[in-house]
Amino acid sequence: MDFVTKLPRTSSGHDIIWVIVDRLTNSAHFLPMREDYKMDRLVILYLNKIVTRHDVPISIISDHDSWFTSRFWQSMQETLGTR
């Protein structure tokens, strides 16, 4: 999981690409998003675009700090009602 940032803004307002690689299937997903998306919006995007196709992951590998990964998992659990 990584973010390509500081891209020119598209006509729909997107300026970031969220890159998610599924190591099991060797598939990559490129999700357009905006810099101002909050964590809950990222989780909804992730659930709608990734989990619906591949199920809930066992682990997430990210080059972001542990705070981001922890907050992402916490927000996902809250959204799924498993917290």
N, C-alpha and C. Protein backbone atom coordinates (compact mmCIF):
# COMPACT_ATOMS: atom_id res chain seq x y z
N MET A 1 0.85 -1.16 0.00
CA MET A 1 0.00 0.00 0.00
C MET A 1 0.90 1.22 0.00
N ASP A 2 0.65 2.10 -0.95
CA ASP A 2 1.44 3.32 -1.04
C ASP A 2 0.60 4.40 -1.71
N PHE A 3 1.03 5.63 -1.58
CA PHE A 3 0.33 6.76 -2.19
C PHE A 3 1.28 7.50 -3.12
N VAL A 4 0.81 7.77 -4.34
CA VAL A 4 1.55 8.62 -5.26
C VAL A 4 0.91 10.00 -5.11
N THR A 5 1.67 10.95 -4.61
CA THR A 5 1.12 12.26 -4.25
C THR A 5 1.65 13.36 -5.15
N LYS A 6 1.10 14.54 -4.90
CA LYS A 6 1.51 15.77 -5.60
C LYS A 6 1.34 15.66 -7.12
N LEU A 7 0.26 15.01 -7.52
CA LEU A 7 -0.06 14.90 -8.94
C LEU A 7 -0.92 16.10 -9.36
N PRO A 8 -0.93 16.44 -10.63
CA PRO A 8 -1.83 17.50 -11.09
C PRO A 8 -3.29 17.09 -10.83
N ARG A 9 -4.09 18.02 -10.38
CA ARG A 9 -5.49 17.75 -10.07
C ARG A 9 -6.27 17.46 -11.35
N THR A 10 -7.05 16.38 -11.33
CA THR A 10 -7.89 16.03 -12.48
C THR A 10 -9.15 16.88 -12.47
N SER A 11 -9.94 16.77 -13.52
CA SER A 11 -11.20 17.53 -13.59
C SER A 11 -12.18 17.09 -12.50
N SER A 12 -12.03 15.88 -12.00
CA SER A 12 -12.90 15.41 -10.91
C SER A 12 -12.29 15.67 -9.53
N GLY A 13 -11.16 16.36 -9.49
CA GLY A 13 -10.57 16.77 -8.22
C GLY A 13 -9.56 15.82 -7.62
N HIS A 14 -9.27 14.72 -8.27
CA HIS A 14 -8.31 13.76 -7.73
C HIS A 14 -6.88 14.26 -7.94
N ASP A 15 -6.04 14.09 -6.90
CA ASP A 15 -4.64 14.51 -7.00
C ASP A 15 -3.68 13.49 -6.39
N ILE A 16 -4.19 12.33 -6.03
CA ILE A 16 -3.39 11.25 -5.44
C ILE A 16 -3.85 9.94 -6.05
N ILE A 17 -2.92 9.01 -6.20
CA ILE A 17 -3.27 7.65 -6.59
C ILE A 17 -2.86 6.74 -5.44
N TRP A 18 -3.82 5.98 -4.95
CA TRP A 18 -3.57 5.01 -3.89
C TRP A 18 -3.25 3.69 -4.58
N VAL A 19 -2.04 3.20 -4.38
CA VAL A 19 -1.58 1.97 -5.02
C VAL A 19 -1.66 0.84 -4.00
N ILE A 20 -2.42 -0.19 -4.35
CA ILE A 20 -2.59 -1.35 -3.47
C ILE A 20 -2.23 -2.59 -4.26
N VAL A 21 -1.26 -3.34 -3.77
CA VAL A 21 -0.80 -4.55 -4.44
C VAL A 21 -1.22 -5.76 -3.61
N ASP A 22 -1.86 -6.70 -4.26
CA ASP A 22 -2.23 -7.96 -3.62
C ASP A 22 -1.13 -8.96 -3.96
N ARG A 23 -0.31 -9.28 -2.97
CA ARG A 23 0.83 -10.17 -3.22
C ARG A 23 0.40 -11.60 -3.51
N LEU A 24 -0.76 -12.00 -3.03
CA LEU A 24 -1.24 -13.36 -3.28
C LEU A 24 -1.59 -13.56 -4.76
N THR A 25 -2.30 -12.60 -5.33
CA THR A 25 -2.74 -12.73 -6.72
C THR A 25 -1.84 -11.96 -7.69
N ASN A 26 -0.86 -11.25 -7.16
CA ASN A 26 0.02 -10.42 -7.98
C ASN A 26 -0.76 -9.39 -8.80
N SER A 27 -1.82 -8.88 -8.22
CA SER A 27 -2.60 -7.86 -8.91
C SER A 27 -2.38 -6.51 -8.22
N ALA A 28 -2.54 -5.46 -8.98
CA ALA A 28 -2.37 -4.11 -8.45
C ALA A 28 -3.64 -3.31 -8.70
N HIS A 29 -3.97 -2.46 -7.76
CA HIS A 29 -5.14 -1.60 -7.87
C HIS A 29 -4.65 -0.16 -7.72
N PHE A 30 -5.17 0.70 -8.55
CA PHE A 30 -4.79 2.11 -8.54
C PHE A 30 -6.06 2.92 -8.34
N LEU A 31 -6.22 3.46 -7.14
CA LEU A 31 -7.45 4.15 -6.79
C LEU A 31 -7.23 5.66 -6.75
N PRO A 32 -7.94 6.41 -7.58
CA PRO A 32 -7.81 7.87 -7.54
C PRO A 32 -8.48 8.41 -6.29
N MET A 33 -7.85 9.40 -5.69
CA MET A 33 -8.41 10.00 -4.49
C MET A 33 -7.92 11.44 -4.38
N ARG A 34 -8.42 12.11 -3.35
CA ARG A 34 -8.03 13.49 -3.11
C ARG A 34 -7.23 13.59 -1.83
N GLU A 35 -6.37 14.57 -1.79
CA GLU A 35 -5.50 14.75 -0.62
C GLU A 35 -6.29 14.99 0.66
N ASP A 36 -7.49 15.57 0.55
CA ASP A 36 -8.26 15.90 1.74
C ASP A 36 -9.17 14.77 2.23
N TYR A 37 -9.07 13.56 1.65
CA TYR A 37 -9.88 12.44 2.13
C TYR A 37 -9.49 12.10 3.57
N LYS A 38 -10.50 11.91 4.40
CA LYS A 38 -10.29 11.50 5.79
C LYS A 38 -10.14 9.98 5.85
N MET A 39 -9.70 9.48 7.00
CA MET A 39 -9.45 8.05 7.16
C MET A 39 -10.70 7.22 6.90
N ASP A 40 -11.86 7.67 7.38
CA ASP A 40 -13.09 6.89 7.17
C ASP A 40 -13.43 6.80 5.68
N ARG A 41 -13.12 7.84 4.93
CA ARG A 41 -13.35 7.80 3.48
C ARG A 41 -12.40 6.82 2.80
N LEU A 42 -11.16 6.75 3.27
CA LEU A 42 -10.20 5.77 2.74
C LEU A 42 -10.68 4.35 3.01
N VAL A 43 -11.20 4.13 4.20
CA VAL A 43 -11.70 2.79 4.56
C VAL A 43 -12.87 2.40 3.67
N ILE A 44 -13.81 3.30 3.45
CA ILE A 44 -14.96 3.00 2.58
C ILE A 44 -14.48 2.70 1.17
N LEU A 45 -13.55 3.49 0.67
CA LEU A 45 -12.99 3.26 -0.67
C LEU A 45 -12.32 1.89 -0.72
N TYR A 46 -11.54 1.57 0.31
CA TYR A 46 -10.85 0.28 0.38
C TYR A 46 -11.85 -0.88 0.42
N LEU A 47 -12.87 -0.75 1.24
CA LEU A 47 -13.88 -1.81 1.34
C LEU A 47 -14.61 -2.00 0.01
N ASN A 48 -14.99 -0.89 -0.63
CA ASN A 48 -15.75 -0.98 -1.88
C ASN A 48 -14.93 -1.48 -3.05
N LYS A 49 -13.66 -1.12 -3.11
CA LYS A 49 -12.85 -1.46 -4.28
C LYS A 49 -11.96 -2.69 -4.09
N ILE A 50 -11.54 -2.97 -2.86
CA ILE A 50 -10.59 -4.06 -2.63
C ILE A 50 -11.24 -5.25 -1.92
N VAL A 51 -11.85 -5.00 -0.78
CA VAL A 51 -12.42 -6.10 0.02
C VAL A 51 -13.53 -6.81 -0.74
N THR A 52 -14.33 -6.08 -1.51
CA THR A 52 -15.40 -6.74 -2.27
C THR A 52 -14.85 -7.71 -3.31
N ARG A 53 -13.61 -7.52 -3.72
CA ARG A 53 -13.00 -8.41 -4.72
C ARG A 53 -12.11 -9.48 -4.11
N HIS A 54 -11.46 -9.15 -2.97
CA HIS A 54 -10.43 -10.05 -2.43
C HIS A 54 -10.67 -10.48 -0.99
N ASP A 55 -11.72 -10.03 -0.34
CA ASP A 55 -12.01 -10.32 1.06
C ASP A 55 -11.12 -9.46 1.97
N VAL A 56 -11.34 -9.52 3.26
CA VAL A 56 -10.58 -8.72 4.22
C VAL A 56 -9.17 -9.31 4.33
N PRO A 57 -8.15 -8.48 4.22
CA PRO A 57 -6.78 -8.99 4.27
C PRO A 57 -6.38 -9.45 5.66
N ILE A 58 -5.43 -10.36 5.70
CA ILE A 58 -4.87 -10.82 6.97
C ILE A 58 -3.87 -9.79 7.48
N SER A 59 -3.14 -9.19 6.57
CA SER A 59 -2.17 -8.17 6.96
C SER A 59 -2.09 -7.10 5.88
N ILE A 60 -1.62 -5.94 6.29
CA ILE A 60 -1.39 -4.83 5.37
C ILE A 60 0.05 -4.39 5.55
N ILE A 61 0.77 -4.32 4.44
CA ILE A 61 2.15 -3.84 4.47
C ILE A 61 2.14 -2.44 3.86
N SER A 62 2.68 -1.50 4.61
CA SER A 62 2.67 -0.12 4.16
C SER A 62 4.00 0.53 4.49
N ASP A 63 4.43 1.45 3.65
CA ASP A 63 5.64 2.19 3.98
C ASP A 63 5.32 3.43 4.82
N HIS A 64 4.06 3.59 5.16
CA HIS A 64 3.68 4.70 6.03
C HIS A 64 3.97 4.32 7.47
N ASP A 65 3.96 5.30 8.33
CA ASP A 65 4.29 5.03 9.72
C ASP A 65 3.25 4.14 10.39
N SER A 66 3.61 3.63 11.54
CA SER A 66 2.73 2.70 12.25
C SER A 66 1.43 3.38 12.67
N TRP A 67 1.45 4.72 12.89
CA TRP A 67 0.22 5.42 13.25
C TRP A 67 -0.81 5.29 12.14
N PHE A 68 -0.40 5.48 10.88
CA PHE A 68 -1.33 5.37 9.76
C PHE A 68 -1.91 3.96 9.70
N THR A 69 -1.06 2.94 9.75
CA THR A 69 -1.52 1.56 9.65
C THR A 69 -2.47 1.23 10.79
N SER A 70 -2.11 1.63 12.01
CA SER A 70 -2.95 1.38 13.18
C SER A 70 -4.29 2.08 13.04
N ARG A 71 -4.28 3.33 12.66
CA ARG A 71 -5.52 4.12 12.51
C ARG A 71 -6.39 3.55 11.39
N PHE A 72 -5.76 3.08 10.31
CA PHE A 72 -6.50 2.49 9.21
C PHE A 72 -7.23 1.23 9.68
N TRP A 73 -6.52 0.34 10.38
CA TRP A 73 -7.14 -0.89 10.89
C TRP A 73 -8.26 -0.56 11.88
N GLN A 74 -8.01 0.39 12.77
CA GLN A 74 -9.02 0.77 13.76
C GLN A 74 -10.27 1.30 13.06
N SER A 75 -10.10 2.16 12.08
CA SER A 75 -11.23 2.72 11.35
C SER A 75 -11.97 1.63 10.57
N MET A 76 -11.23 0.67 10.01
CA MET A 76 -11.87 -0.42 9.28
C MET A 76 -12.71 -1.28 10.23
N GLN A 77 -12.18 -1.59 11.41
CA GLN A 77 -12.92 -2.38 12.39
C GLN A 77 -14.19 -1.66 12.83
N GLU A 78 -14.10 -0.36 13.04
CA GLU A 78 -15.27 0.42 13.43
C GLU A 78 -16.32 0.40 12.32
N THR A 79 -15.89 0.55 11.08
CA THR A 79 -16.81 0.55 9.94
C THR A 79 -17.48 -0.81 9.78
N LEU A 80 -16.72 -1.89 9.98
CA LEU A 80 -17.27 -3.24 9.85
C LEU A 80 -18.07 -3.68 11.07
N GLY A 81 -17.98 -2.90 12.16
CA GLY A 81 -18.70 -3.26 13.38
C GLY A 81 -18.06 -4.41 14.14
N THR A 82 -16.77 -4.60 13.96
CA THR A 82 -16.08 -5.69 14.64
C THR A 82 -15.27 -5.21 15.83
N ARG A 83 -15.51 -4.02 16.25
CA ARG A 83 -14.75 -3.44 17.35
C ARG A 83 -15.58 -3.44 18.60
